[in-house]
């Protein structure tokens, strides 16, 4: 119907290419356009001015001989004032864009190690964008954005990288565990040293108290009982402690103590010493 009325409807965000007898006439903007077919005018085609996106997968090799697949996302559109160039100068713009992407990526990535490819993906994307923009502007296309959206190494390489990462983390964990155990041992040793110090201090104080008590007892007993010396009183006290010790040992049903004489004499020596001690104590009291 439009052809019969010599009218063509161009949609919003599109342009139409008008020819006359096979020669470019002009670019038709959106809206209802008059195309008198009687004089040889007709619409050769349409172009969209919308933003388009093209994902390009490029397989290449890094400097350390690792094959990777780099996925680049190209966002582009047709320039309205160069729509005729975009229509006539390129028959397949997507193939042309892919060719430039392959060329730039395969020139940049082989200069980098695998780790550097991940770190410098923005620089790679910028190089692709600059090269594409410089080349495609002449054909009526504008490159708005270029992104490296994925870098996919070989599966075996990925597995090896994960194992290296896991081993490194295990090494750090082992070091941290060893450091923690070291700190625990140091703190335990410090605690034991402090405990022994306090225990020794307590024992020293206990012995000092015993000595002070014995001294006071000896002085008090010698003062109350005329004719007794400090040695007599001390001997009696020692005998009393000896009998207390024997009583405690005898009260235990599981005692396995073995007594060895202090002097070179036999067992009778012990009895003589005890008897003499008792007699001395009795004479002192008498």
C-alpha atoms as a PDB file:
ATOM      1  CA  UNK A   1       0.000   0.000   0.000  1.00  0.00           C
ATOM      2  CA  UNK A   2       2.900   2.345   0.875  1.00  0.00           C
ATOM      3  CA  UNK A   3       4.528   1.636  -2.461  1.00  0.00           C
ATOM      4  CA  UNK A   4       1.311   2.401  -4.299  1.00  0.00           C
ATOM      5  CA  UNK A   5       0.971   5.727  -2.516  1.00  0.00           C
ATOM      6  CA  UNK A   6       4.722   6.423  -2.928  1.00  0.00           C
ATOM      7  CA  UNK A   7       5.083   6.695   0.858  1.00  0.00           C
ATOM      8  CA  UNK A   8       7.402   4.811   3.248  1.00  0.00           C
ATOM      9  CA  UNK A   9       7.150   4.622   7.031  1.00  0.00           C
ATOM     10  CA  UNK A  10      10.503   4.787   8.828  1.00  0.00           C
ATOM     11  CA  UNK A  11      10.347   3.654  12.471  1.00  0.00           C
ATOM     12  CA  UNK A  12      11.760   5.574  15.412  1.00  0.00           C
ATOM     13  CA  UNK A  13      15.523   4.981  15.994  1.00  0.00           C
ATOM     14  CA  UNK A  14      15.863   3.801  12.380  1.00  0.00           C
ATOM     15  CA  UNK A  15      16.926   5.418   9.161  1.00  0.00           C
ATOM     16  CA  UNK A  16      16.198   4.372   5.575  1.00  0.00           C
ATOM     17  CA  UNK A  17      18.502   4.561   2.567  1.00  0.00           C
ATOM     18  CA  UNK A  18      16.788   6.054  -0.475  1.00  0.00           C
ATOM     19  CA  UNK A  19      18.155   5.362  -3.979  1.00  0.00           C
ATOM     20  CA  UNK A  20      17.163   6.638  -7.396  1.00  0.00           C
ATOM     21  CA  UNK A  21      17.787   4.299 -10.283  1.00  0.00           C
ATOM     22  CA  UNK A  22      20.360   2.432  -8.147  1.00  0.00           C
ATOM     23  CA  UNK A  23      22.243   5.518  -6.991  1.00  0.00           C
ATOM     24  CA  UNK A  24      22.242   6.805  -3.429  1.00  0.00           C
ATOM     25  CA  UNK A  25      19.848   9.720  -3.070  1.00  0.00           C
ATOM     26  CA  UNK A  26      19.592  10.521   0.654  1.00  0.00           C
ATOM     27  CA  UNK A  27      18.981   9.187   4.152  1.00  0.00           C
ATOM     28  CA  UNK A  28      15.360   9.114   5.261  1.00  0.00           C
ATOM     29  CA  UNK A  29      14.702  10.008   8.909  1.00  0.00           C
ATOM     30  CA  UNK A  30      11.994   8.425  11.110  1.00  0.00           C
ATOM     31  CA  UNK A  31       8.420   9.182  10.087  1.00  0.00           C
ATOM     32  CA  UNK A  32       6.331   9.024   6.938  1.00  0.00           C
ATOM     33  CA  UNK A  33       8.558   9.688   3.905  1.00  0.00           C
ATOM     34  CA  UNK A  34       7.578  10.373   0.312  1.00  0.00           C
ATOM     35  CA  UNK A  35       9.304   8.051  -2.168  1.00  0.00           C
ATOM     36  CA  UNK A  36       7.969   8.563  -5.707  1.00  0.00           C
ATOM     37  CA  UNK A  37       8.682   5.227  -7.330  1.00  0.00           C
ATOM     38  CA  UNK A  38       7.430   6.623 -10.606  1.00  0.00           C
ATOM     39  CA  UNK A  39      10.670   8.600 -11.016  1.00  0.00           C
ATOM     40  CA  UNK A  40      12.810   5.638  -9.963  1.00  0.00           C
ATOM     41  CA  UNK A  41      13.016   6.283  -6.203  1.00  0.00           C
ATOM     42  CA  UNK A  42      12.913   3.357  -3.818  1.00  0.00           C
ATOM     43  CA  UNK A  43      14.193   2.336  -0.330  1.00  0.00           C
ATOM     44  CA  UNK A  44      17.339   0.211  -0.576  1.00  0.00           C
ATOM     45  CA  UNK A  45      17.364  -0.759   3.116  1.00  0.00           C
ATOM     46  CA  UNK A  46      17.048   0.271   6.736  1.00  0.00           C
ATOM     47  CA  UNK A  47      19.623   0.823   9.490  1.00  0.00           C
ATOM     48  CA  UNK A  48      18.969   0.933  13.213  1.00  0.00           C
ATOM     49  CA  UNK A  49      20.517   3.711  15.305  1.00  0.00           C
ATOM     50  CA  UNK A  50      20.061   1.773  18.540  1.00  0.00           C
ATOM     51  CA  UNK A  51      22.940   0.653  20.686  1.00  0.00           C
ATOM     52  CA  UNK A  52      24.030  -2.840  19.696  1.00  0.00           C
ATOM     53  CA  UNK A  53      26.214  -5.343  21.486  1.00  0.00           C
ATOM     54  CA  UNK A  54      28.495  -7.992  20.052  1.00  0.00           C
ATOM     55  CA  UNK A  55      30.251 -10.651  22.177  1.00  0.00           C
ATOM     56  CA  UNK A  56      33.464 -11.942  20.637  1.00  0.00           C
ATOM     57  CA  UNK A  57      35.291 -15.068  21.855  1.00  0.00           C
ATOM     58  CA  UNK A  58      38.974 -15.150  21.001  1.00  0.00           C
ATOM     59  CA  UNK A  59      41.301 -18.040  21.844  1.00  0.00           C
ATOM     60  CA  UNK A  60      44.946 -17.106  22.230  1.00  0.00           C
ATOM     61  CA  UNK A  61      48.109 -17.989  24.141  1.00  0.00           C
ATOM     62  CA  UNK A  62      49.801 -16.114  26.970  1.00  0.00           C
ATOM     63  CA  UNK A  63      53.503 -15.429  27.397  1.00  0.00           C
ATOM     64  CA  UNK A  64      53.848 -18.437  29.736  1.00  0.00           C
ATOM     65  CA  UNK A  65      52.266 -20.729  27.085  1.00  0.00           C
ATOM     66  CA  UNK A  66      48.777 -21.026  28.591  1.00  0.00           C
ATOM     67  CA  UNK A  67      45.848 -21.109  26.177  1.00  0.00           C
ATOM     68  CA  UNK A  68      42.985 -18.862  27.244  1.00  0.00           C
ATOM     69  CA  UNK A  69      39.652 -17.847  25.774  1.00  0.00           C
ATOM     70  CA  UNK A  70      39.072 -14.104  26.077  1.00  0.00           C
ATOM     71  CA  UNK A  71      35.487 -12.881  25.742  1.00  0.00           C
ATOM     72  CA  UNK A  72      35.140  -9.229  24.701  1.00  0.00           C
ATOM     73  CA  UNK A  73      31.829  -7.379  24.670  1.00  0.00           C
ATOM     74  CA  UNK A  74      31.632  -4.577  22.077  1.00  0.00           C
ATOM     75  CA  UNK A  75      28.900  -1.931  22.313  1.00  0.00           C
ATOM     76  CA  UNK A  76      28.476   0.088  19.106  1.00  0.00           C
ATOM     77  CA  UNK A  77      25.949   1.993  17.021  1.00  0.00           C
ATOM     78  CA  UNK A  78      25.561   3.612  13.618  1.00  0.00           C
ATOM     79  CA  UNK A  79      26.335   7.329  13.358  1.00  0.00           C
ATOM     80  CA  UNK A  80      23.270   9.094  12.019  1.00  0.00           C
ATOM     81  CA  UNK A  81      25.288  11.550   9.920  1.00  0.00           C
ATOM     82  CA  UNK A  82      27.290   8.689   8.386  1.00  0.00           C
ATOM     83  CA  UNK A  83      24.474   6.237   7.815  1.00  0.00           C
ATOM     84  CA  UNK A  84      25.268   6.016   4.091  1.00  0.00           C
ATOM     85  CA  UNK A  85      28.871   4.944   4.848  1.00  0.00           C
ATOM     86  CA  UNK A  86      27.621   2.315   7.292  1.00  0.00           C
ATOM     87  CA  UNK A  87      25.199   0.980   4.687  1.00  0.00           C
ATOM     88  CA  UNK A  88      27.423   0.981   1.600  1.00  0.00           C
ATOM     89  CA  UNK A  89      30.989   0.582   2.802  1.00  0.00           C
ATOM     90  CA  UNK A  90      30.533  -2.544   4.955  1.00  0.00           C
ATOM     91  CA  UNK A  91      28.601  -5.584   3.900  1.00  0.00           C
ATOM     92  CA  UNK A  92      29.079  -7.407   7.223  1.00  0.00           C
ATOM     93  CA  UNK A  93      30.027  -5.048  10.084  1.00  0.00           C
ATOM     94  CA  UNK A  94      30.002  -7.742  12.784  1.00  0.00           C
ATOM     95  CA  UNK A  95      32.627  -9.776  10.940  1.00  0.00           C
ATOM     96  CA  UNK A  96      34.750  -6.662  10.518  1.00  0.00           C
ATOM     97  CA  UNK A  97      34.504  -5.880  14.251  1.00  0.00           C
ATOM     98  CA  UNK A  98      35.434  -9.460  15.145  1.00  0.00           C
ATOM     99  CA  UNK A  99      38.473  -9.298  12.885  1.00  0.00           C
ATOM    100  CA  UNK A 100      39.780  -6.179  14.648  1.00  0.00           C
ATOM    101  CA  UNK A 101      39.085  -7.679  18.095  1.00  0.00           C
ATOM    102  CA  UNK A 102      40.983 -10.865  17.197  1.00  0.00           C
ATOM    103  CA  UNK A 103      43.885  -8.834  15.868  1.00  0.00           C
ATOM    104  CA  UNK A 104      44.258  -6.640  18.979  1.00  0.00           C
ATOM    105  CA  UNK A 105      43.749  -9.401  21.552  1.00  0.00           C
ATOM    106  CA  UNK A 106      46.163 -11.761  19.831  1.00  0.00           C
ATOM    107  CA  UNK A 107      48.717  -8.944  19.742  1.00  0.00           C
ATOM    108  CA  UNK A 108      48.341  -7.969  23.433  1.00  0.00           C
ATOM    109  CA  UNK A 109      47.781 -11.205  25.356  1.00  0.00           C
ATOM    110  CA  UNK A 110      50.897 -13.107  24.126  1.00  0.00           C
ATOM    111  CA  UNK A 111      53.025 -10.353  25.713  1.00  0.00           C
ATOM    112  CA  UNK A 112      51.593 -11.036  29.189  1.00  0.00           C
ATOM    113  CA  UNK A 113      51.739 -13.885  31.672  1.00  0.00           C
ATOM    114  CA  UNK A 114      48.472 -15.484  32.729  1.00  0.00           C
ATOM    115  CA  UNK A 115      48.275 -13.603  36.042  1.00  0.00           C
ATOM    116  CA  UNK A 116      49.018 -10.326  34.257  1.00  0.00           C
ATOM    117  CA  UNK A 117      46.194 -10.960  31.776  1.00  0.00           C
ATOM    118  CA  UNK A 118      43.702 -11.022  34.657  1.00  0.00           C
ATOM    119  CA  UNK A 119      45.253  -7.938  36.248  1.00  0.00           C
ATOM    120  CA  UNK A 120      45.482  -5.906  33.017  1.00  0.00           C
ATOM    121  CA  UNK A 121      42.181  -6.792  31.378  1.00  0.00           C
ATOM    122  CA  UNK A 122      41.116  -3.136  31.494  1.00  0.00           C
ATOM    123  CA  UNK A 123      44.228  -2.153  29.525  1.00  0.00           C
ATOM    124  CA  UNK A 124      43.453  -4.879  26.981  1.00  0.00           C
ATOM    125  CA  UNK A 125      39.873  -3.633  26.645  1.00  0.00           C
ATOM    126  CA  UNK A 126      41.116  -0.072  26.187  1.00  0.00           C
ATOM    127  CA  UNK A 127      43.496  -1.152  23.420  1.00  0.00           C
ATOM    128  CA  UNK A 128      40.673  -2.987  21.634  1.00  0.00           C
ATOM    129  CA  UNK A 129      38.360   0.007  21.971  1.00  0.00           C
ATOM    130  CA  UNK A 130      40.924   2.483  20.624  1.00  0.00           C
ATOM    131  CA  UNK A 131      41.737   0.297  17.633  1.00  0.00           C
ATOM    132  CA  UNK A 132      38.090  -0.388  16.853  1.00  0.00           C
ATOM    133  CA  UNK A 133      37.035   3.235  17.209  1.00  0.00           C
ATOM    134  CA  UNK A 134      39.818   4.397  14.920  1.00  0.00           C
ATOM    135  CA  UNK A 135      38.927   1.810  12.272  1.00  0.00           C
ATOM    136  CA  UNK A 136      35.122   1.738  12.455  1.00  0.00           C
ATOM    137  CA  UNK A 137      34.519   5.506  12.550  1.00  0.00           C
ATOM    138  CA  UNK A 138      35.563   5.663   8.911  1.00  0.00           C
ATOM    139  CA  UNK A 139      32.774   3.203   8.125  1.00  0.00           C
ATOM    140  CA  UNK A 140      30.060   5.142   9.956  1.00  0.00           C
ATOM    141  CA  UNK A 141      30.128   3.210  13.249  1.00  0.00           C
ATOM    142  CA  UNK A 142      30.805   4.521  16.751  1.00  0.00           C
ATOM    143  CA  UNK A 143      32.372   2.259  19.386  1.00  0.00           C
ATOM    144  CA  UNK A 144      30.889   3.281  22.749  1.00  0.00           C
ATOM    145  CA  UNK A 145      32.345   0.702  25.120  1.00  0.00           C
ATOM    146  CA  UNK A 146      34.564  -2.352  25.048  1.00  0.00           C
ATOM    147  CA  UNK A 147      34.657  -4.740  27.999  1.00  0.00           C
ATOM    148  CA  UNK A 148      36.631  -7.903  28.677  1.00  0.00           C
ATOM    149  CA  UNK A 149      33.900  -9.862  30.435  1.00  0.00           C
ATOM    150  CA  UNK A 150      35.619 -13.229  30.791  1.00  0.00           C
ATOM    151  CA  UNK A 151      39.057 -14.837  30.699  1.00  0.00           C
ATOM    152  CA  UNK A 152      38.764 -18.603  30.649  1.00  0.00           C
ATOM    153  CA  UNK A 153      41.960 -20.686  30.882  1.00  0.00           C
ATOM    154  CA  UNK A 154      42.085 -24.390  30.101  1.00  0.00           C
ATOM    155  CA  UNK A 155      40.382 -26.590  32.710  1.00  0.00           C
ATOM    156  CA  UNK A 156      43.646 -28.278  33.718  1.00  0.00           C
ATOM    157  CA  UNK A 157      45.275 -24.882  34.189  1.00  0.00           C
ATOM    158  CA  UNK A 158      42.365 -23.702  36.329  1.00  0.00           C
ATOM    159  CA  UNK A 159      42.613 -26.851  38.446  1.00  0.00           C
ATOM    160  CA  UNK A 160      46.372 -26.338  38.870  1.00  0.00           C
ATOM    161  CA  UNK A 161      45.840 -22.689  39.829  1.00  0.00           C
ATOM    162  CA  UNK A 162      43.266 -23.709  42.425  1.00  0.00           C
ATOM    163  CA  UNK A 163      45.652 -26.304  43.853  1.00  0.00           C
ATOM    164  CA  UNK A 164      48.456 -23.731  44.067  1.00  0.00           C
ATOM    165  CA  UNK A 165      46.128 -21.316  45.818  1.00  0.00           C
ATOM    166  CA  UNK A 166      44.921 -24.011  48.205  1.00  0.00           C
ATOM    167  CA  UNK A 167      48.502 -25.054  49.003  1.00  0.00           C
ATOM    168  CA  UNK A 168      49.476 -21.450  49.678  1.00  0.00           C
ATOM    169  CA  UNK A 169      46.519 -20.991  51.993  1.00  0.00           C
ATOM    170  CA  UNK A 170      47.333 -24.247  53.805  1.00  0.00           C
ATOM    171  CA  UNK A 171      50.918 -23.048  54.269  1.00  0.00           C
ATOM    172  CA  UNK A 172      49.696 -19.776  55.754  1.00  0.00           C
ATOM    173  CA  UNK A 173      47.271 -21.680  57.990  1.00  0.00           C
ATOM    174  CA  UNK A 174      50.077 -24.008  59.160  1.00  0.00           C
ATOM    175  CA  UNK A 175      52.291 -21.023  59.971  1.00  0.00           C
ATOM    176  CA  UNK A 176      49.489 -19.359  61.889  1.00  0.00           C
ATOM    177  CA  UNK A 177      48.751 -22.598  63.769  1.00  0.00           C
ATOM    178  CA  UNK A 178      52.429 -23.048  64.658  1.00  0.00           C
ATOM    179  CA  UNK A 179      52.620 -19.444  65.809  1.00  0.00           C
ATOM    180  CA  UNK A 180      49.522 -19.940  67.967  1.00  0.00           C
ATOM    181  CA  UNK A 181      50.986 -23.112  69.508  1.00  0.00           C
ATOM    182  CA  UNK A 182      54.229 -21.243  70.161  1.00  0.00           C
ATOM    183  CA  UNK A 183      52.346 -18.486  71.957  1.00  0.00           C
ATOM    184  CA  UNK A 184      50.421 -21.080  74.001  1.00  0.00           C
ATOM    185  CA  UNK A 185      53.642 -22.840  75.033  1.00  0.00           C
ATOM    186  CA  UNK A 186      55.287 -19.537  75.949  1.00  0.00           C
ATOM    187  CA  UNK A 187      52.285 -18.500  78.006  1.00  0.00           C
ATOM    188  CA  UNK A 188      52.156 -21.939  79.651  1.00  0.00           C
ATOM    189  CA  UNK A 189      55.873 -21.734  80.501  1.00  0.00           C
ATOM    190  CA  UNK A 190      55.423 -18.234  81.866  1.00  0.00           C
ATOM    191  CA  UNK A 191      52.486 -19.465  83.945  1.00  0.00           C
ATOM    192  CA  UNK A 192      54.467 -22.407  85.287  1.00  0.00           C
ATOM    193  CA  UNK A 193      57.417 -20.143  86.116  1.00  0.00           C
ATOM    194  CA  UNK A 194      55.118 -17.718  87.916  1.00  0.00           C
ATOM    195  CA  UNK A 195      53.434 -20.609  89.739  1.00  0.00           C
ATOM    196  CA  UNK A 196      56.773 -22.060  90.861  1.00  0.00           C
ATOM    197  CA  UNK A 197      57.948 -18.644  91.942  1.00  0.00           C
ATOM    198  CA  UNK A 198      54.826 -18.111  94.020  1.00  0.00           C
ATOM    199  CA  UNK A 199      55.052 -21.667  95.398  1.00  0.00           C
ATOM    200  CA  UNK A 200      58.677 -21.119  96.380  1.00  0.00           C
ATOM    201  CA  UNK A 201      57.746 -17.822  97.947  1.00  0.00           C
ATOM    202  CA  UNK A 202      55.010 -19.557  99.932  1.00  0.00           C
ATOM    203  CA  UNK A 203      57.351 -22.316 101.081  1.00  0.00           C
ATOM    204  CA  UNK A 204      59.947 -19.748 102.098  1.00  0.00           C
ATOM    205  CA  UNK A 205      57.380 -17.846 104.091  1.00  0.00           C
ATOM    206  CA  UNK A 206      56.125 -21.079 105.637  1.00  0.00           C
ATOM    207  CA  UNK A 207      59.630 -22.080 106.736  1.00  0.00           C
ATOM    208  CA  UNK A 208      60.281 -18.607 108.036  1.00  0.00           C
ATOM    209  CA  UNK A 209      57.093 -18.830 110.089  1.00  0.00           C
ATOM    210  CA  UNK A 210      58.134 -22.254 111.432  1.00  0.00           C
ATOM    211  CA  UNK A 211      61.548 -20.962 112.377  1.00  0.00           C
ATOM    212  CA  UNK A 212      60.019 -17.923 114.051  1.00  0.00           C
ATOM    213  CA  UNK A 213      57.592 -20.151 115.938  1.00  0.00           C
ATOM    214  CA  UNK A 214      60.302 -22.531 117.082  1.00  0.00           C
ATOM    215  CA  UNK A 215      62.439 -19.615 118.164  1.00  0.00           C
ATOM    216  CA  UNK A 216      59.623 -18.134 120.200  1.00  0.00           C
ATOM    217  CA  UNK A 217      58.802 -21.546 121.724  1.00  0.00           C
ATOM    218  CA  UNK A 218      62.419 -22.224 122.674  1.00  0.00           C
ATOM    219  CA  UNK A 219      62.855 -18.791 124.197  1.00  0.00           C
ATOM    220  CA  UNK A 220      59.565 -19.033 126.051  1.00  0.00           C
ATOM    221  CA  UNK A 221      60.238 -22.539 127.393  1.00  0.00           C
ATOM    222  CA  UNK A 222      63.799 -21.666 128.456  1.00  0.00           C
ATOM    223  CA  UNK A 223      62.534 -18.591 130.256  1.00  0.00           C
ATOM    224  CA  UNK A 224      59.810 -20.477 132.144  1.00  0.00           C
ATOM    225  CA  UNK A 225      61.955 -23.518 133.105  1.00  0.00           C
ATOM    226  CA  UNK A 226      65.139 -22.489 134.838  1.00  0.00           C
ATOM    227  CA  UNK A 227      68.295 -24.480 134.042  1.00  0.00           C
ATOM    228  CA  UNK A 228      67.278 -25.486 130.491  1.00  0.00           C
ATOM    229  CA  UNK A 229      69.233 -24.425 127.503  1.00  0.00           C
ATOM    230  CA  UNK A 230      67.970 -23.646 124.039  1.00  0.00           C
ATOM    231  CA  UNK A 231      69.571 -26.897 122.784  1.00  0.00           C
ATOM    232  CA  UNK A 232      67.589 -28.990 125.242  1.00  0.00           C
ATOM    233  CA  UNK A 233      64.336 -27.461 124.217  1.00  0.00           C
ATOM    234  CA  UNK A 234      65.149 -27.833 120.516  1.00  0.00           C
ATOM    235  CA  UNK A 235      66.009 -31.530 121.001  1.00  0.00           C
ATOM    236  CA  UNK A 236      62.684 -32.131 122.687  1.00  0.00           C
ATOM    237  CA  UNK A 237      60.806 -30.364 119.937  1.00  0.00           C
ATOM    238  CA  UNK A 238      62.562 -32.444 117.298  1.00  0.00           C
ATOM    239  CA  UNK A 239      61.676 -35.649 119.155  1.00  0.00           C
ATOM    240  CA  UNK A 240      58.060 -34.556 119.320  1.00  0.00           C
ATOM    241  CA  UNK A 241      58.021 -33.952 115.589  1.00  0.00           C
ATOM    242  CA  UNK A 242      59.654 -37.338 115.028  1.00  0.00           C
ATOM    243  CA  UNK A 243      56.897 -39.121 116.965  1.00  0.00           C
ATOM    244  CA  UNK A 244      54.217 -37.146 115.129  1.00  0.00           C
ATOM    245  CA  UNK A 245      55.730 -38.247 111.840  1.00  0.00           C
ATOM    246  CA  UNK A 246      55.804 -41.898 112.943  1.00  0.00           C
ATOM    247  CA  UNK A 247      52.191 -41.712 114.034  1.00  0.00           C
ATOM    248  CA  UNK A 248      51.102 -40.321 110.645  1.00  0.00           C
ATOM    249  CA  UNK A 249      53.001 -43.055 108.787  1.00  0.00           C
ATOM    250  CA  UNK A 250      51.567 -45.785 111.014  1.00  0.00           C
ATOM    251  CA  UNK A 251      48.020 -44.494 110.496  1.00  0.00           C
ATOM    252  CA  UNK A 252      48.308 -45.082 106.740  1.00  0.00           C
ATOM    253  CA  UNK A 253      47.394 -48.616 105.644  1.00  0.00           C
ATOM    254  CA  UNK A 254      49.235 -48.295 102.324  1.00  0.00           C
ATOM    255  CA  UNK A 255      52.501 -46.896 103.569  1.00  0.00           C
ATOM    256  CA  UNK A 256      55.605 -48.232 101.795  1.00  0.00           C
ATOM    257  CA  UNK A 257      58.242 -46.086 103.493  1.00  0.00           C
ATOM    258  CA  UNK A 258      61.649 -47.587 104.307  1.00  0.00           C
ATOM    259  CA  UNK A 259      63.718 -46.046 107.114  1.00  0.00           C
ATOM    260  CA  UNK A 260      67.501 -45.961 106.910  1.00  0.00           C
ATOM    261  CA  UNK A 261      69.565 -44.948 109.989  1.00  0.00           C
ATOM    262  CA  UNK A 262      71.198 -41.584 109.741  1.00  0.00           C
ATOM    263  CA  UNK A 263      74.371 -42.706 111.409  1.00  0.00           C
ATOM    264  CA  UNK A 264      76.633 -45.682 110.799  1.00  0.00           C
ATOM    265  CA  UNK A 265      75.092 -47.671 113.704  1.00  0.00           C
ATOM    266  CA  UNK A 266      72.411 -50.323 113.389  1.00  0.00           C
ATOM    267  CA  UNK A 267      68.728 -50.011 114.079  1.00  0.00           C
ATOM    268  CA  UNK A 268      69.429 -50.009 117.829  1.00  0.00           C
ATOM    269  CA  UNK A 269      71.059 -46.654 117.309  1.00  0.00           C
ATOM    270  CA  UNK A 270      67.695 -45.156 116.583  1.00  0.00           C
ATOM    271  CA  UNK A 271      66.193 -46.597 119.772  1.00  0.00           C
ATOM    272  CA  UNK A 272      69.139 -45.329 121.846  1.00  0.00           C
ATOM    273  CA  UNK A 273      68.729 -41.908 120.342  1.00  0.00           C
ATOM    274  CA  UNK A 274      65.008 -41.881 121.126  1.00  0.00           C
ATOM    275  CA  UNK A 275      65.593 -43.176 124.702  1.00  0.00           C
ATOM    276  CA  UNK A 276      68.266 -40.612 125.352  1.00  0.00           C
ATOM    277  CA  UNK A 277      66.006 -37.929 124.044  1.00  0.00           C
ATOM    278  CA  UNK A 278      63.177 -39.039 126.328  1.00  0.00           C
ATOM    279  CA  UNK A 279      65.491 -39.185 129.360  1.00  0.00           C
ATOM    280  CA  UNK A 280      66.811 -35.762 128.610  1.00  0.00           C
ATOM    281  CA  UNK A 281      63.305 -34.433 128.333  1.00  0.00           C
ATOM    282  CA  UNK A 282      62.317 -36.142 131.609  1.00  0.00           C
ATOM    283  CA  UNK A 283      65.347 -34.764 133.439  1.00  0.00           C
ATOM    284  CA  UNK A 284      64.622 -31.355 132.118  1.00  0.00           C
ATOM    285  CA  UNK A 285      61.047 -31.487 133.410  1.00  0.00           C
ATOM    286  CA  UNK A 286      62.267 -32.880 136.762  1.00  0.00           C
END
